[in-house]
N, C-alpha and C. Protein backbone atom coordinates (compact mmCIF):
# COMPACT_ATOMS: atom_id res chain seq x y z
N MET A 1 55.34 -2.18 -42.53
CA MET A 1 53.94 -2.60 -42.05
C MET A 1 53.84 -4.23 -42.07
N LEU A 2 54.56 -4.97 -42.64
CA LEU A 2 54.63 -6.71 -43.30
C LEU A 2 55.41 -6.74 -41.41
N CYS A 3 55.77 -6.29 -41.31
CA CYS A 3 56.14 -6.71 -39.89
C CYS A 3 55.64 -6.87 -38.80
N THR A 4 54.24 -6.00 -39.00
CA THR A 4 52.93 -6.06 -37.56
C THR A 4 53.24 -6.75 -38.27
N ALA A 5 52.14 -6.98 -39.81
CA ALA A 5 51.07 -8.44 -40.27
C ALA A 5 51.87 -9.93 -39.40
N TYR A 6 52.62 -9.88 -40.17
CA TYR A 6 53.62 -10.78 -39.91
C TYR A 6 53.42 -11.29 -37.46
N GLY A 7 53.80 -10.43 -37.10
CA GLY A 7 54.55 -10.88 -35.73
C GLY A 7 52.34 -10.72 -35.23
N SER A 8 52.35 -9.67 -35.87
CA SER A 8 50.10 -10.82 -35.67
C SER A 8 49.63 -11.65 -35.46
N TRP A 9 50.04 -12.19 -37.05
CA TRP A 9 49.73 -13.71 -37.13
C TRP A 9 50.49 -15.02 -36.91
N GLN A 10 51.57 -14.38 -35.83
CA GLN A 10 52.49 -15.39 -35.43
C GLN A 10 51.57 -15.15 -33.90
N ASN A 11 51.33 -13.94 -33.05
CA ASN A 11 51.01 -14.19 -31.99
C ASN A 11 49.58 -15.15 -32.26
N SER A 12 48.64 -14.92 -32.79
CA SER A 12 47.66 -15.27 -32.90
C SER A 12 47.17 -16.94 -33.59
N MET A 13 48.64 -17.14 -34.34
CA MET A 13 48.73 -18.91 -34.09
C MET A 13 49.70 -19.18 -32.75
N ARG A 14 50.47 -18.65 -32.90
CA ARG A 14 50.96 -19.19 -31.54
C ARG A 14 49.70 -19.17 -30.31
N ARG A 15 49.27 -18.13 -30.34
CA ARG A 15 47.66 -18.09 -29.07
C ARG A 15 46.97 -19.43 -29.08
N ALA A 16 46.12 -19.72 -30.50
CA ALA A 16 45.69 -20.55 -30.99
C ALA A 16 46.57 -22.12 -30.82
N LEU A 17 47.74 -22.38 -31.18
CA LEU A 17 48.05 -23.76 -30.89
C LEU A 17 48.37 -23.71 -29.45
N SER A 18 48.80 -22.38 -28.11
CA SER A 18 49.26 -23.42 -27.38
C SER A 18 47.91 -23.86 -26.22
N PHE A 19 46.50 -22.97 -27.57
CA PHE A 19 45.20 -24.16 -26.45
C PHE A 19 44.79 -24.82 -26.56
N PHE A 20 45.57 -25.20 -27.94
CA PHE A 20 45.17 -26.58 -28.47
C PHE A 20 46.06 -27.79 -28.37
N TRP A 21 47.08 -27.32 -27.71
CA TRP A 21 47.57 -28.31 -26.63
C TRP A 21 47.53 -28.42 -26.02
N LEU A 22 46.62 -27.37 -25.50
CA LEU A 22 46.26 -27.66 -23.68
C LEU A 22 44.91 -28.09 -23.78
N MET A 23 43.97 -29.35 -24.83
CA MET A 23 42.74 -29.19 -24.84
C MET A 23 42.81 -31.09 -24.41
N ASN A 24 41.88 -31.09 -23.04
CA ASN A 24 41.72 -33.66 -23.61
C ASN A 24 40.23 -33.19 -23.41
N PHE A 25 40.48 -33.78 -23.90
CA PHE A 25 38.44 -34.69 -23.99
C PHE A 25 38.79 -35.71 -23.24
N ALA A 26 37.94 -35.61 -21.93
CA ALA A 26 38.48 -36.29 -20.73
C ALA A 26 36.81 -37.15 -20.98
N THR A 27 35.70 -37.23 -21.21
CA THR A 27 35.14 -38.05 -21.04
C THR A 27 33.95 -38.36 -22.39
N ALA A 28 33.30 -39.34 -23.23
CA ALA A 28 31.97 -39.08 -22.96
C ALA A 28 31.36 -40.16 -23.04
N ASN A 29 30.65 -39.49 -22.27
CA ASN A 29 28.72 -40.62 -21.21
C ASN A 29 27.85 -40.88 -22.67
N THR A 30 26.97 -42.27 -22.48
CA THR A 30 26.28 -42.65 -22.95
C THR A 30 24.96 -41.88 -21.92
N VAL A 31 24.01 -40.93 -22.11
CA VAL A 31 22.84 -40.67 -21.28
C VAL A 31 21.86 -42.01 -21.96
N ASP A 32 20.43 -42.00 -20.64
CA ASP A 32 19.20 -42.27 -20.77
C ASP A 32 18.84 -41.35 -22.50
N PRO A 33 18.33 -41.91 -23.29
CA PRO A 33 17.31 -41.28 -24.30
C PRO A 33 16.33 -40.10 -24.06
N ASP A 34 15.35 -40.27 -22.53
CA ASP A 34 15.52 -38.82 -22.46
C ASP A 34 15.93 -37.53 -21.12
N GLN A 35 17.23 -38.05 -21.21
CA GLN A 35 18.02 -37.29 -21.04
C GLN A 35 18.51 -35.84 -22.05
N PRO A 36 18.97 -35.11 -21.72
CA PRO A 36 19.82 -33.64 -22.81
C PRO A 36 20.87 -34.19 -22.92
N ALA A 37 21.18 -33.48 -24.03
CA ALA A 37 22.67 -33.72 -24.62
C ALA A 37 22.82 -32.79 -23.59
N ALA A 38 25.16 -33.00 -23.26
CA ALA A 38 25.39 -31.69 -22.38
C ALA A 38 26.87 -31.75 -22.47
N VAL A 39 27.34 -30.50 -22.49
CA VAL A 39 28.78 -30.73 -22.38
C VAL A 39 29.13 -29.71 -21.32
N GLY A 40 30.63 -30.22 -20.85
CA GLY A 40 30.95 -30.09 -19.45
C GLY A 40 32.05 -29.55 -19.77
N VAL A 41 32.49 -28.52 -19.34
CA VAL A 41 34.41 -27.94 -19.26
C VAL A 41 35.19 -28.03 -18.01
N SER A 42 36.21 -28.20 -17.54
CA SER A 42 36.97 -27.26 -16.81
C SER A 42 38.55 -27.39 -16.97
N TYR A 43 38.74 -27.07 -15.98
CA TYR A 43 39.94 -26.49 -16.46
C TYR A 43 41.08 -26.81 -14.80
N GLY A 44 42.20 -27.74 -15.00
CA GLY A 44 43.21 -28.45 -14.06
C GLY A 44 44.16 -27.38 -13.77
N GLY A 45 44.18 -26.41 -13.84
CA GLY A 45 45.08 -25.72 -13.85
C GLY A 45 46.15 -25.60 -15.01
N THR A 46 46.30 -26.92 -16.07
CA THR A 46 47.03 -26.96 -16.54
C THR A 46 46.29 -27.63 -18.25
N ASN A 47 45.24 -28.40 -18.06
CA ASN A 47 44.63 -28.25 -19.07
C ASN A 47 43.39 -28.13 -18.96
N VAL A 48 42.53 -28.10 -20.54
CA VAL A 48 41.42 -27.42 -20.69
C VAL A 48 40.97 -29.63 -20.41
N CYS A 49 39.56 -29.64 -19.93
CA CYS A 49 39.16 -30.83 -19.67
C CYS A 49 37.36 -30.70 -19.39
N PHE A 50 36.78 -31.16 -21.64
CA PHE A 50 35.56 -31.47 -21.84
C PHE A 50 35.65 -32.48 -21.71
N THR A 51 34.03 -32.76 -20.82
CA THR A 51 32.55 -33.34 -21.11
C THR A 51 31.41 -33.92 -21.45
N PHE A 52 31.71 -34.86 -21.98
CA PHE A 52 29.96 -34.88 -23.08
C PHE A 52 29.15 -35.84 -22.82
N ASP A 53 27.61 -36.11 -22.80
CA ASP A 53 26.70 -36.56 -21.93
C ASP A 53 26.11 -36.46 -23.64
N ILE A 54 26.03 -37.94 -24.72
CA ILE A 54 25.65 -38.03 -25.29
C ILE A 54 24.85 -38.92 -25.16
N PRO A 55 23.12 -38.20 -25.77
CA PRO A 55 21.98 -39.36 -25.65
C PRO A 55 22.04 -40.86 -26.22
N GLN A 56 21.39 -42.07 -25.65
CA GLN A 56 21.61 -43.11 -27.25
C GLN A 56 20.09 -43.00 -27.55
N GLY A 57 19.34 -43.35 -28.63
CA GLY A 57 18.78 -43.31 -29.78
C GLY A 57 17.57 -44.61 -28.93
N ASN A 58 16.91 -44.35 -29.31
CA ASN A 58 14.92 -45.18 -28.63
C ASN A 58 15.53 -45.88 -29.97
N ASN A 59 15.38 -47.46 -29.80
CA ASN A 59 15.72 -49.23 -30.26
C ASN A 59 14.19 -49.00 -31.22
N GLY A 60 14.45 -49.43 -31.74
CA GLY A 60 14.32 -49.22 -34.04
C GLY A 60 13.79 -50.81 -33.92
N SER A 61 12.85 -50.98 -35.08
CA SER A 61 12.82 -51.55 -36.15
C SER A 61 13.60 -52.12 -36.57
N ASP A 62 13.97 -53.31 -37.19
CA ASP A 62 14.87 -53.98 -37.61
C ASP A 62 14.36 -53.56 -39.03
N GLY A 63 15.67 -53.10 -40.11
CA GLY A 63 15.05 -52.66 -41.29
C GLY A 63 14.95 -53.61 -42.00
N ALA A 64 14.93 -53.36 -43.74
CA ALA A 64 14.95 -54.79 -44.89
C ALA A 64 16.56 -54.45 -44.73
N GLN A 65 16.53 -55.81 -45.83
CA GLN A 65 18.45 -56.44 -45.36
C GLN A 65 18.95 -55.72 -46.81
N GLY A 66 19.82 -54.65 -46.85
CA GLY A 66 20.96 -54.07 -48.01
C GLY A 66 21.48 -55.13 -49.01
N PRO A 67 22.05 -54.86 -50.31
CA PRO A 67 22.72 -55.45 -50.93
C PRO A 67 24.32 -55.71 -50.20
N PRO A 68 24.72 -56.54 -50.77
CA PRO A 68 25.74 -56.71 -49.88
C PRO A 68 27.29 -56.25 -50.14
N GLY A 69 27.89 -55.96 -49.45
CA GLY A 69 28.69 -54.70 -49.03
C GLY A 69 29.67 -55.02 -50.04
N GLU A 70 30.19 -56.09 -51.36
CA GLU A 70 31.20 -56.95 -51.69
C GLU A 70 31.58 -55.27 -52.69
N VAL A 71 32.85 -55.62 -52.21
CA VAL A 71 34.13 -53.74 -53.74
C VAL A 71 34.95 -54.63 -54.03
N SER A 72 34.92 -54.35 -55.78
CA SER A 72 35.79 -55.45 -56.26
C SER A 72 37.94 -54.36 -55.36
N GLN A 73 38.56 -54.93 -56.17
CA GLN A 73 39.71 -55.06 -55.92
C GLN A 73 40.32 -53.11 -56.32
N ALA A 74 40.23 -53.35 -57.56
CA ALA A 74 40.52 -51.65 -58.89
C ALA A 74 39.10 -51.21 -57.78
N GLN A 75 38.46 -50.81 -57.07
CA GLN A 75 37.42 -49.93 -56.64
C GLN A 75 38.21 -49.55 -55.47
N LEU A 76 38.87 -50.65 -54.89
CA LEU A 76 39.84 -50.53 -53.63
C LEU A 76 41.10 -49.62 -53.84
N ASP A 77 41.42 -49.97 -54.59
CA ASP A 77 42.85 -48.84 -55.30
C ASP A 77 42.22 -48.02 -55.78
N ASN A 78 41.75 -47.45 -56.33
CA ASN A 78 41.12 -46.34 -57.63
C ASN A 78 40.46 -45.57 -56.27
N ALA A 79 40.25 -45.57 -54.82
CA ALA A 79 39.78 -44.72 -53.36
C ALA A 79 41.03 -44.54 -53.25
N ILE A 80 41.76 -45.74 -52.65
CA ILE A 80 42.29 -45.06 -52.09
C ILE A 80 44.01 -44.44 -52.80
N ALA A 81 43.89 -44.65 -54.49
CA ALA A 81 44.26 -43.99 -54.94
C ALA A 81 44.71 -42.41 -55.08
N SER A 82 43.08 -41.86 -54.60
CA SER A 82 42.85 -40.47 -54.47
C SER A 82 42.50 -40.27 -53.41
N ILE A 83 42.14 -40.88 -52.49
CA ILE A 83 41.96 -39.51 -51.36
C ILE A 83 42.86 -39.32 -50.68
N SER A 84 44.40 -39.33 -51.10
CA SER A 84 45.46 -38.49 -50.56
C SER A 84 45.41 -36.61 -51.80
N ALA A 85 44.46 -36.85 -52.38
CA ALA A 85 44.19 -35.24 -53.04
C ALA A 85 43.23 -34.84 -51.89
N ASN A 86 42.85 -34.64 -51.39
CA ASN A 86 41.89 -34.07 -50.10
C ASN A 86 43.27 -32.77 -49.29
N THR A 87 44.42 -32.88 -49.56
CA THR A 87 45.42 -31.93 -48.62
C THR A 87 45.85 -31.71 -50.34
N ASN A 88 45.10 -31.70 -51.46
CA ASN A 88 45.71 -30.22 -52.57
C ASN A 88 45.62 -28.77 -52.19
N SER A 89 43.98 -29.30 -50.98
CA SER A 89 44.39 -27.59 -51.29
C SER A 89 45.10 -26.83 -49.89
N VAL A 90 45.63 -27.30 -49.53
CA VAL A 90 45.92 -27.37 -48.13
C VAL A 90 47.01 -26.70 -48.35
N ASP A 91 47.78 -25.04 -48.44
CA ASP A 91 48.85 -24.76 -48.78
C ASP A 91 49.99 -25.19 -47.45
N THR A 92 51.29 -25.21 -47.86
CA THR A 92 52.43 -24.85 -46.75
C THR A 92 52.17 -23.69 -45.87
N LEU A 93 52.53 -24.00 -44.68
CA LEU A 93 53.51 -22.65 -44.54
C LEU A 93 55.19 -22.26 -45.21
N ASP A 94 55.01 -21.22 -45.90
CA ASP A 94 56.17 -21.26 -46.69
C ASP A 94 57.21 -19.97 -45.59
N THR A 95 56.64 -18.92 -44.80
CA THR A 95 57.68 -17.84 -44.97
C THR A 95 57.69 -18.05 -42.36
N PRO A 96 59.16 -18.85 -42.55
CA PRO A 96 60.04 -19.37 -41.56
C PRO A 96 59.62 -18.12 -40.35
N PHE A 97 59.74 -18.96 -39.37
CA PHE A 97 59.79 -17.91 -38.46
C PHE A 97 61.58 -17.75 -37.28
N ALA A 98 60.94 -16.17 -36.93
CA ALA A 98 62.49 -16.36 -35.93
C ALA A 98 62.44 -17.47 -35.28
N ASP A 99 61.09 -17.16 -34.41
CA ASP A 99 61.50 -17.50 -33.28
C ASP A 99 61.60 -19.42 -33.32
N PRO A 100 62.73 -20.28 -32.51
CA PRO A 100 63.11 -21.41 -33.14
C PRO A 100 62.12 -22.40 -33.03
N ASP A 101 60.98 -22.10 -32.14
CA ASP A 101 60.64 -22.96 -31.56
C ASP A 101 58.35 -22.72 -32.64
N MET A 102 58.92 -21.64 -32.54
CA MET A 102 57.69 -22.04 -33.69
C MET A 102 58.32 -22.29 -35.32
N GLU A 103 59.91 -21.99 -35.63
CA GLU A 103 59.64 -22.58 -36.72
C GLU A 103 60.17 -24.09 -36.88
N ALA A 104 59.85 -24.40 -35.07
CA ALA A 104 60.12 -26.56 -36.01
C ALA A 104 58.17 -26.47 -35.76
N LEU A 105 57.92 -26.03 -35.00
CA LEU A 105 56.20 -26.10 -35.15
C LEU A 105 56.12 -26.15 -36.83
N ARG A 106 56.52 -24.56 -37.62
CA ARG A 106 55.71 -24.85 -39.19
C ARG A 106 56.43 -26.02 -39.66
N GLN A 107 57.67 -26.30 -39.65
CA GLN A 107 58.36 -27.36 -40.02
C GLN A 107 57.52 -28.61 -40.04
N LYS A 108 57.14 -29.38 -38.85
CA LYS A 108 56.05 -29.79 -38.90
C LYS A 108 55.16 -30.67 -39.28
N LEU A 109 54.21 -29.16 -39.21
CA LEU A 109 52.81 -29.15 -39.73
C LEU A 109 53.38 -29.01 -41.23
N ASN A 110 54.55 -28.65 -42.22
CA ASN A 110 54.35 -28.65 -43.68
C ASN A 110 54.85 -30.18 -43.69
N GLU A 111 55.63 -31.05 -42.72
CA GLU A 111 55.50 -32.42 -42.91
C GLU A 111 54.65 -32.86 -42.95
N MET A 112 53.37 -33.34 -42.02
CA MET A 112 51.89 -33.71 -41.87
C MET A 112 51.40 -33.15 -43.72
N ILE A 113 51.56 -32.27 -43.45
CA ILE A 113 50.99 -32.00 -44.79
C ILE A 113 51.08 -32.53 -46.00
N LEU A 114 52.70 -32.09 -46.47
CA LEU A 114 52.87 -32.96 -47.19
C LEU A 114 52.80 -34.41 -47.15
N ASN A 115 53.01 -34.70 -46.15
CA ASN A 115 53.52 -36.50 -46.55
C ASN A 115 51.55 -37.64 -46.74
N GLY A 116 49.97 -36.32 -46.35
CA GLY A 116 49.24 -36.36 -46.21
C GLY A 116 49.08 -36.20 -48.24
N ARG A 117 49.24 -36.07 -49.10
CA ARG A 117 49.49 -36.05 -50.36
C ARG A 117 50.05 -36.78 -50.64
N ARG A 118 51.51 -37.72 -50.42
CA ARG A 118 51.97 -39.05 -51.10
C ARG A 118 52.55 -39.02 -52.18
């Protein structure tokens, strides 16, 4: 029973990742404010291409001047030191794959997760 679940999970991961690698975000266009937002999708035989039409905002009036954006070195150091905690809740994939390509992908994914923790 464990092998069936493992195989099913492996196949699902393979399908999801193969689709991810085929995606290409072709273009993002700015359109007039009165035009609707739109997304187009095309398949060129090997890649899925997306085209986004994003309406620009209407011109508004200038707001009041905000406070200066000074940041102390201590605040900057603290922000940088705590950012690596963002990946702490992401588990690594600890079960090796029999397929060499999937195993290489698993190892690289784990490498990316662990490098994010510093």
